[in-house]
Amino acid sequence: MNLSGTSRNTPVNAEEGGVDTRPSPEDFLAVAQEEERKKTRGELTLYLGYAAGVGKTYAMLLDALQRKAEGKDVVIGYVETHGRVETDALAARLPGIPTRSVTYLGMALRNRISTRSSPGDRKL
């Protein structure tokens, strides 16, 4: 919201005929409420690509680093870099949730370590 508008046109001094063009308290309240809403509301960005190797993960990591530089809390939940050196280098610059390997039916599976359980969680 732009606070430079003339939302309060009341005389400042009737003798001088001036007009008060300062923002009203309601304008400041609206701006404060919008800033507060932005603090508590999440944001979702989708990275779409037609094929593997077009740069979705790389772009996502670059955006994450930018947000981290802006002071936002950024953590990698899970990333598959497919051994790409440049992508590995970007991922190494961000904190991540630890993963563990679990062997199930002869296959090694990588899973994030969760601190809370959900109804669908099962111990392997």
Protein backbone atom coordinates (compact mmCIF):
# COMPACT_ATOMS: atom_id res chain seq x y z
CA MET A 1 0.00 0.00 0.00
CA ASN A 2 1.26 3.45 -0.86
CA LEU A 3 1.16 5.80 2.10
CA SER A 4 1.87 8.93 0.06
CA GLY A 5 -1.74 9.30 -1.08
CA THR A 6 -4.19 11.91 0.14
CA SER A 7 -6.41 9.75 2.26
CA ARG A 8 -7.06 12.39 4.93
CA ASN A 9 -8.07 15.74 3.46
CA THR A 10 -8.83 17.72 6.58
CA PRO A 11 -7.71 21.30 7.11
CA VAL A 12 -4.41 21.61 8.98
CA ASN A 13 -4.91 25.22 9.81
CA ALA A 14 -8.19 26.77 8.75
CA GLU A 15 -6.64 30.25 8.72
CA GLU A 16 -3.94 29.20 6.22
CA GLY A 17 -6.31 27.02 4.17
CA GLY A 18 -3.83 24.10 4.17
CA VAL A 19 -4.82 20.50 3.61
CA ASP A 20 -3.49 17.57 5.64
CA THR A 21 -2.27 15.01 3.12
CA ARG A 22 -0.65 12.71 5.65
CA PRO A 23 -1.73 9.05 5.65
CA SER A 24 -4.47 8.24 8.11
CA PRO A 25 -3.92 5.88 11.06
CA GLU A 26 -6.09 3.36 9.19
CA ASP A 27 -3.60 3.41 6.29
CA PHE A 28 -0.74 2.59 8.66
CA LEU A 29 -2.83 -0.15 10.28
CA ALA A 30 -3.54 -1.72 6.86
CA VAL A 31 0.17 -1.73 6.01
CA ALA A 32 1.08 -3.25 9.39
CA GLN A 33 -1.59 -5.94 9.02
CA GLU A 34 -0.35 -6.83 5.51
CA GLU A 35 3.24 -7.11 6.75
CA GLU A 36 2.12 -9.32 9.62
CA ARG A 37 0.13 -11.54 7.24
CA LYS A 38 3.22 -11.96 5.03
CA LYS A 39 5.28 -13.04 8.07
CA THR A 40 2.91 -15.84 9.03
CA ARG A 41 1.88 -17.06 5.59
CA GLY A 42 4.00 -19.55 3.72
CA GLU A 43 4.95 -19.40 0.09
CA LEU A 44 5.03 -22.24 -2.42
CA THR A 45 7.07 -22.18 -5.60
CA LEU A 46 6.86 -24.96 -8.16
CA TYR A 47 9.77 -25.73 -10.45
CA LEU A 48 8.54 -27.40 -13.60
CA GLY A 49 10.62 -28.83 -16.40
CA TYR A 50 9.84 -31.00 -19.37
CA ALA A 51 12.77 -33.36 -18.91
CA ALA A 52 15.47 -34.45 -16.50
CA GLY A 53 18.57 -32.29 -16.45
CA VAL A 54 16.95 -29.00 -17.45
CA GLY A 55 17.93 -27.24 -14.20
CA LYS A 56 14.96 -27.50 -11.82
CA THR A 57 17.03 -28.48 -8.78
CA TYR A 58 19.77 -26.00 -9.67
CA ALA A 59 17.25 -23.13 -9.97
CA MET A 60 15.59 -24.16 -6.71
CA LEU A 61 18.92 -24.16 -4.87
CA LEU A 62 19.85 -20.76 -6.33
CA ASP A 63 16.52 -19.35 -5.12
CA ALA A 64 17.07 -20.92 -1.69
CA LEU A 65 20.51 -19.31 -1.42
CA GLN A 66 18.99 -15.94 -2.39
CA ARG A 67 16.33 -16.27 0.29
CA LYS A 68 18.97 -17.28 2.84
CA ALA A 69 20.95 -14.15 1.92
CA GLU A 70 17.76 -12.14 2.58
CA GLY A 71 17.74 -13.54 6.12
CA LYS A 72 15.03 -16.15 5.66
CA ASP A 73 15.20 -19.56 7.29
CA VAL A 74 16.01 -22.11 4.56
CA VAL A 75 16.61 -25.83 5.11
CA ILE A 76 16.90 -28.66 2.59
CA GLY A 77 14.41 -31.41 3.39
CA TYR A 78 15.67 -33.70 0.66
CA VAL A 79 17.60 -33.11 -2.54
CA GLU A 80 18.67 -35.48 -5.28
CA THR A 81 21.62 -33.94 -7.13
CA HIS A 82 22.24 -36.97 -9.40
CA GLY A 83 25.97 -36.48 -8.83
CA ARG A 84 26.10 -33.17 -10.73
CA VAL A 85 29.10 -31.27 -9.39
CA GLU A 86 27.58 -27.78 -9.65
CA THR A 87 24.34 -28.88 -7.99
CA ASP A 88 26.29 -30.66 -5.22
CA ALA A 89 28.24 -27.44 -4.59
CA LEU A 90 25.05 -25.39 -4.22
CA ALA A 91 23.41 -27.95 -1.93
CA ALA A 92 26.51 -28.01 0.29
CA ARG A 93 26.00 -24.30 1.06
CA LEU A 94 22.61 -24.91 2.71
CA PRO A 95 21.75 -26.73 5.94
CA GLY A 96 19.73 -29.90 5.57
CA ILE A 97 17.67 -32.36 7.54
CA PRO A 98 19.86 -35.45 8.13
CA THR A 99 19.07 -38.63 6.21
CA ARG A 100 19.68 -42.24 7.05
CA SER A 101 19.97 -45.40 5.02
CA VAL A 102 17.54 -48.21 5.69
CA THR A 103 17.76 -51.64 4.11
CA TYR A 104 14.37 -53.00 3.14
CA LEU A 105 13.91 -56.20 1.14
CA GLY A 106 17.56 -56.07 0.12
CA MET A 107 17.41 -52.46 -1.14
CA ALA A 108 19.19 -49.55 0.48
CA LEU A 109 16.71 -46.70 0.87
CA ARG A 110 17.59 -43.16 1.92
CA ASN A 111 15.08 -41.49 4.20
CA ARG A 112 14.98 -38.24 6.13
CA ILE A 113 15.14 -38.51 9.89
CA SER A 114 11.86 -37.22 11.27
CA THR A 115 11.45 -35.95 14.82
CA ARG A 116 7.69 -36.51 14.80
CA SER A 117 5.60 -39.35 13.55
CA SER A 118 2.52 -39.27 11.41
CA PRO A 119 -0.24 -41.89 11.26
CA GLY A 120 1.28 -43.40 8.11
CA ASP A 121 4.80 -43.82 9.57
CA ARG A 122 5.96 -47.38 10.08
CA LYS A 123 9.20 -48.70 11.47
CA LEU A 124 11.10 -50.75 8.91
